[in-house]
Amino acid sequence: MSASDNAPIIEMVDIRKQFGPVIALNGVSFDVRPGECHCLLGDNGAGKSTFIKTMAGVHKPTSGEIRFLGQPMSFASPRDSMEAGIATVYQDLAMIPLMSVARNFWMGREPQRRVGPLRFMDMKQANEVTMAEMRRMGINLREPGQAVGTLSGGERQTVAIARAVYFGAKVLILDEPTSALGVRQTANVLATIDKVRKNGIGVVFITHNVRHALAVGDRFTVLNRGRTLGTAVRGQITPEELQDLMAGGQELAALEGSLGGTV
């Protein structure tokens, strides 16, 4: 990286996104640095999905600037974003349950071997790499040929994260990775995020769960109705303050007053 080690990998500057008359994002700024987990929090409808899809090249911003490694960047498609090193793991994980872990890991990027004029998937290499990468993330598979649908939700998240890291992600965007998981599986995913961060990758962790964010986050940005309510640094905000900010801050206080009680 040409810039200093602490310079942001990607910066979203004053991003505005409008769909017809609907303003989904209204001047949002956000960045993530190497080895940092920057959490983006907000309730449903806050604009989180639109924001990460803009970062990932699905949507083009109506206005504002995206900078990657300090240079202005325009992503024409998700492939452009992926080739730059921005990997997004969505909630649906884009996996085929009946297909093996190894085939899901390599989907679309299969290692090849030649037999005469023909090309085949090199299953030996695929299996060895899959097993090694999963072990590195703390998951010990029985075999790489087992169906990915036999894994727990947390293990499937780890497959998707390991795949992104192996293929060169500089920024990893995780869309609500713990939302449908139990306590043990959530702990495994949070541990995986910590491993990824320690490898120098910038992690954007999208969540509505304050406790999960505080477990691994270095910075916390809260979205509400397409606007940024503020960014806090780890150790400088309490769980109660972050929850209050997420819940609307002054709006919540006004509602409590009008109802004569605690919301």
Protein backbone atom coordinates (compact mmCIF):
# COMPACT_ATOMS: atom_id res chain seq x y z
CA MET A 1 0.00 0.00 0.00
CA SER A 2 1.46 3.32 -1.05
CA ALA A 3 -0.20 5.40 1.65
CA SER A 4 0.59 5.11 5.33
CA ASP A 5 -0.38 1.91 7.09
CA ASN A 6 -3.20 3.67 8.92
CA ALA A 7 -4.69 5.34 5.85
CA PRO A 8 -8.19 4.14 4.94
CA ILE A 9 -8.46 1.36 2.40
CA ILE A 10 -11.82 2.63 1.23
CA GLU A 11 -13.57 5.93 1.94
CA MET A 12 -17.19 6.78 1.21
CA VAL A 13 -17.42 10.58 1.19
CA ASP A 14 -20.77 12.40 1.46
CA ILE A 15 -22.60 9.58 -0.35
CA ARG A 16 -26.14 10.31 -1.51
CA LYS A 17 -28.34 7.70 -3.19
CA GLN A 18 -31.78 8.46 -4.53
CA PHE A 19 -34.30 6.07 -6.09
CA GLY A 20 -36.80 8.32 -7.84
CA PRO A 21 -38.29 10.55 -5.12
CA VAL A 22 -36.95 8.32 -2.32
CA ILE A 23 -33.69 9.40 -0.69
CA ALA A 24 -32.10 6.21 0.67
CA LEU A 25 -28.76 7.79 1.67
CA ASN A 26 -28.39 11.46 2.43
CA GLY A 27 -24.75 12.49 2.79
CA VAL A 28 -23.20 9.44 4.48
CA SER A 29 -19.43 9.33 5.08
CA PHE A 30 -17.62 6.20 6.22
CA ASP A 31 -14.17 4.62 5.95
CA VAL A 32 -12.33 1.49 7.05
CA ARG A 33 -8.62 1.05 7.72
CA PRO A 34 -6.33 -2.00 7.51
CA GLY A 35 -6.79 -4.35 10.47
CA GLU A 36 -9.89 -2.50 11.66
CA CYS A 37 -13.44 -3.67 12.25
CA HIS A 38 -15.72 -0.70 11.60
CA CYS A 39 -19.30 -1.53 12.59
CA LEU A 40 -22.24 0.01 10.76
CA LEU A 41 -25.31 -0.11 12.96
CA GLY A 42 -28.94 0.77 12.41
CA ASP A 43 -32.43 -0.63 12.54
CA ASN A 44 -34.37 -1.89 9.52
CA GLY A 45 -34.85 0.90 7.02
CA ALA A 46 -31.84 2.86 8.25
CA GLY A 47 -30.08 2.57 4.87
CA LYS A 48 -27.50 -0.11 5.72
CA SER A 49 -28.31 -2.38 2.76
CA THR A 50 -28.27 0.47 0.25
CA PHE A 51 -24.98 1.70 1.67
CA ILE A 52 -23.14 -1.61 1.45
CA LYS A 53 -24.53 -2.25 -2.05
CA THR A 54 -23.13 1.13 -3.07
CA MET A 55 -19.76 0.22 -1.56
CA ALA A 56 -19.89 -3.17 -3.31
CA GLY A 57 -20.67 -1.79 -6.77
CA VAL A 58 -24.32 -2.90 -6.97
CA HIS A 59 -25.57 0.71 -6.89
CA LYS A 60 -23.87 3.82 -8.25
CA PRO A 61 -24.11 6.77 -5.87
CA THR A 62 -26.26 9.68 -7.01
CA SER A 63 -23.56 11.97 -5.67
CA GLY A 64 -20.51 11.81 -3.43
CA GLU A 65 -17.15 10.14 -3.90
CA ILE A 66 -15.68 6.69 -3.34
CA ARG A 67 -11.92 6.57 -2.75
CA PHE A 68 -9.97 3.33 -2.80
CA LEU A 69 -6.39 3.40 -1.51
CA GLY A 70 -6.59 7.19 -1.67
CA GLN A 71 -7.70 7.38 -5.31
CA PRO A 72 -11.18 8.28 -6.63
CA MET A 73 -12.89 5.11 -7.79
CA SER A 74 -16.09 4.30 -9.65
CA PHE A 75 -17.33 0.71 -9.61
CA ALA A 76 -19.40 -0.14 -12.67
CA SER A 77 -20.43 -3.53 -11.27
CA PRO A 78 -19.94 -5.88 -8.30
CA ARG A 79 -17.22 -7.60 -10.33
CA ASP A 80 -15.25 -4.32 -10.48
CA SER A 81 -15.53 -4.00 -6.72
CA MET A 82 -14.50 -7.63 -6.17
CA GLU A 83 -11.49 -7.35 -8.47
CA ALA A 84 -10.34 -4.28 -6.54
CA GLY A 85 -10.39 -6.37 -3.36
CA ILE A 86 -13.79 -5.61 -1.82
CA ALA A 87 -15.59 -8.83 -0.90
CA THR A 88 -19.17 -8.88 0.35
CA VAL A 89 -20.69 -11.75 2.30
CA TYR A 90 -24.46 -11.33 2.18
CA GLN A 91 -26.94 -13.00 4.53
CA ASP A 92 -27.93 -15.64 1.95
CA LEU A 93 -24.20 -16.56 1.53
CA ALA A 94 -24.68 -17.53 -2.16
CA MET A 95 -24.01 -21.20 -1.45
CA ILE A 96 -25.58 -24.39 -2.82
CA PRO A 97 -26.47 -26.60 0.16
CA LEU A 98 -26.15 -29.97 -1.63
CA MET A 99 -22.80 -29.08 -3.16
CA SER A 100 -19.58 -29.91 -1.29
CA VAL A 101 -17.75 -27.43 0.90
CA ALA A 102 -14.80 -27.46 -1.52
CA ARG A 103 -16.95 -26.77 -4.57
CA ASN A 104 -18.73 -23.92 -2.78
CA PHE A 105 -15.36 -22.53 -1.67
CA TRP A 106 -14.05 -22.49 -5.26
CA MET A 107 -17.29 -21.67 -7.09
CA GLY A 108 -16.45 -19.74 -10.27
CA ARG A 109 -12.68 -19.84 -9.59
CA GLU A 110 -11.96 -23.57 -9.80
CA PRO A 111 -8.29 -24.62 -10.09
CA GLN A 112 -7.71 -26.38 -13.39
CA ARG A 113 -5.55 -29.27 -14.57
CA ARG A 114 -4.97 -30.46 -18.13
CA VAL A 115 -5.41 -33.98 -19.41
CA GLY A 116 -4.37 -33.81 -23.03
CA PRO A 117 -6.50 -31.14 -24.73
CA LEU A 118 -9.11 -31.20 -21.93
CA ARG A 119 -9.36 -29.20 -18.71
CA PHE A 120 -10.74 -30.54 -15.45
CA MET A 121 -11.18 -29.12 -11.98
CA ASP A 122 -8.13 -30.04 -9.91
CA MET A 123 -9.98 -31.61 -6.99
CA LYS A 124 -6.78 -32.53 -5.13
CA GLN A 125 -5.66 -28.90 -4.97
CA ALA A 126 -9.20 -27.69 -4.27
CA ASN A 127 -9.63 -30.09 -1.35
CA GLU A 128 -6.21 -29.40 0.18
CA VAL A 129 -6.63 -25.62 0.05
CA THR A 130 -10.19 -25.76 1.39
CA MET A 131 -9.18 -27.90 4.37
CA ALA A 132 -6.15 -25.68 5.13
CA GLU A 133 -8.11 -22.42 4.92
CA MET A 134 -10.93 -23.74 7.09
CA ARG A 135 -8.42 -24.94 9.71
CA ARG A 136 -6.83 -21.50 9.66
CA MET A 137 -10.24 -20.07 10.54
CA GLY A 138 -10.71 -22.57 13.36
CA ILE A 139 -13.09 -25.01 11.62
CA ASN A 140 -12.05 -28.66 11.35
CA LEU A 141 -14.03 -30.31 8.57
CA ARG A 142 -14.57 -34.07 8.48
CA GLU A 143 -13.79 -33.91 4.77
CA PRO A 144 -13.94 -31.25 2.04
CA GLY A 145 -16.45 -33.35 0.12
CA GLN A 146 -19.20 -33.05 2.74
CA ALA A 147 -22.25 -31.05 1.65
CA VAL A 148 -22.10 -27.45 2.82
CA GLY A 149 -25.71 -27.83 3.98
CA THR A 150 -24.51 -30.20 6.73
CA LEU A 151 -22.57 -27.36 8.38
CA SER A 152 -24.02 -25.09 11.04
CA GLY A 153 -24.97 -21.53 10.14
CA GLY A 154 -21.82 -20.21 11.79
CA GLU A 155 -19.63 -22.68 9.93
CA ARG A 156 -21.21 -21.69 6.60
CA GLN A 157 -20.47 -18.05 7.44
CA THR A 158 -16.87 -19.06 8.08
CA VAL A 159 -16.65 -20.83 4.70
CA ALA A 160 -17.83 -17.64 2.99
CA ILE A 161 -15.38 -15.48 4.96
CA ALA A 162 -12.47 -17.88 4.38
CA ARG A 163 -13.26 -17.90 0.66
CA ALA A 164 -13.20 -14.09 0.50
CA VAL A 165 -9.92 -13.87 2.41
CA TYR A 166 -8.21 -16.56 0.31
CA PHE A 167 -9.11 -14.77 -2.92
CA GLY A 168 -7.45 -11.56 -1.83
CA ALA A 169 -9.99 -9.40 -0.05
CA LYS A 170 -8.59 -6.11 1.25
CA VAL A 171 -11.99 -5.09 2.60
CA LEU A 172 -14.52 -7.62 3.85
CA ILE A 173 -18.16 -6.49 4.12
CA LEU A 174 -20.29 -8.72 6.35
CA ASP A 175 -24.04 -8.22 6.08
CA GLU A 176 -25.68 -9.16 9.40
CA PRO A 177 -23.56 -12.35 9.76
CA THR A 178 -24.85 -13.13 13.27
CA SER A 179 -28.52 -12.22 12.88
CA ALA A 180 -29.90 -15.77 12.64
CA LEU A 181 -27.33 -17.61 14.79
CA GLY A 182 -27.37 -19.04 18.29
CA VAL A 183 -24.92 -17.99 21.00
CA ARG A 184 -22.22 -20.60 20.23
CA GLN A 185 -22.36 -20.04 16.47
CA THR A 186 -22.29 -16.27 16.97
CA ALA A 187 -19.17 -16.61 19.14
CA ASN A 188 -17.48 -18.61 16.37
CA VAL A 189 -18.29 -15.97 13.74
CA LEU A 190 -17.07 -13.14 15.97
CA ALA A 191 -13.84 -15.07 16.56
CA THR A 192 -13.45 -15.43 12.79
CA ILE A 193 -13.92 -11.67 12.33
CA ASP A 194 -11.18 -11.10 14.90
CA LYS A 195 -8.81 -13.44 13.00
CA VAL A 196 -9.51 -11.63 9.73
CA ARG A 197 -8.90 -8.23 11.30
CA LYS A 198 -5.57 -9.40 12.74
CA ASN A 199 -4.50 -10.37 9.21
CA GLY A 200 -4.65 -6.69 8.23
CA ILE A 201 -7.95 -6.83 6.35
CA GLY A 202 -10.46 -4.03 6.88
CA VAL A 203 -13.81 -5.40 8.06
CA VAL A 204 -17.15 -3.64 7.65
CA PHE A 205 -19.53 -5.36 10.07
CA ILE A 206 -23.20 -4.58 9.40
CA THR A 207 -25.38 -5.32 12.39
CA HIS A 208 -28.30 -4.14 14.50
CA ASN A 209 -26.93 -5.95 17.58
CA VAL A 210 -24.98 -3.60 19.84
CA ARG A 211 -23.44 -6.41 21.93
CA HIS A 212 -22.09 -8.18 18.86
CA ALA A 213 -20.66 -4.91 17.53
CA LEU A 214 -18.95 -4.06 20.82
CA ALA A 215 -17.39 -7.54 21.00
CA VAL A 216 -15.19 -7.00 17.94
CA GLY A 217 -15.62 -3.41 16.75
CA ASP A 218 -12.94 -0.72 16.74
CA ARG A 219 -15.26 2.05 15.53
CA PHE A 220 -19.03 2.32 15.37
CA THR A 221 -21.09 4.36 12.94
CA VAL A 222 -24.86 4.61 13.37
CA LEU A 223 -27.26 5.15 10.47
CA ASN A 224 -30.80 6.41 10.86
CA ARG A 225 -33.10 7.14 7.92
CA GLY A 226 -30.19 7.43 5.50
CA ARG A 227 -28.14 9.80 7.66
CA THR A 228 -25.11 9.26 9.87
CA LEU A 229 -25.93 9.96 13.53
CA GLY A 230 -22.30 9.76 14.57
CA THR A 231 -19.14 7.66 14.81
CA ALA A 232 -17.65 6.48 18.12
CA VAL A 233 -14.34 4.83 18.96
CA ARG A 234 -14.03 1.70 21.06
CA GLY A 235 -13.71 2.56 24.74
CA GLN A 236 -15.29 5.99 24.29
CA ILE A 237 -18.93 4.89 24.27
CA THR A 238 -20.92 2.63 26.57
CA PRO A 239 -23.33 -0.06 25.37
CA GLU A 240 -26.21 2.05 26.72
CA GLU A 241 -25.04 5.15 24.83
CA LEU A 242 -24.63 3.20 21.59
CA GLN A 243 -28.04 1.56 21.99
CA ASP A 244 -29.61 4.96 22.67
CA LEU A 245 -27.95 6.43 19.58
CA MET A 246 -29.23 3.53 17.50
CA ALA A 247 -32.73 3.90 18.90
CA GLY A 248 -32.97 7.52 17.85
CA GLY A 249 -31.39 9.55 20.64
CA GLN A 250 -33.34 12.79 20.93
CA GLU A 251 -36.35 11.33 19.11
CA LEU A 252 -36.51 8.54 21.67
CA ALA A 253 -36.24 10.98 24.56
CA ALA A 254 -39.08 13.06 23.12
CA LEU A 255 -41.23 9.92 22.78
CA GLU A 256 -40.51 8.95 26.40
CA GLY A 257 -41.61 12.41 27.50
CA SER A 258 -44.84 12.30 25.53
CA LEU A 259 -45.68 8.85 26.90
CA GLY A 260 -44.72 9.78 30.44
CA GLY A 261 -42.50 6.78 30.94
CA THR A 262 -39.51 4.79 29.73
CA VAL A 263 -39.37 3.33 26.22
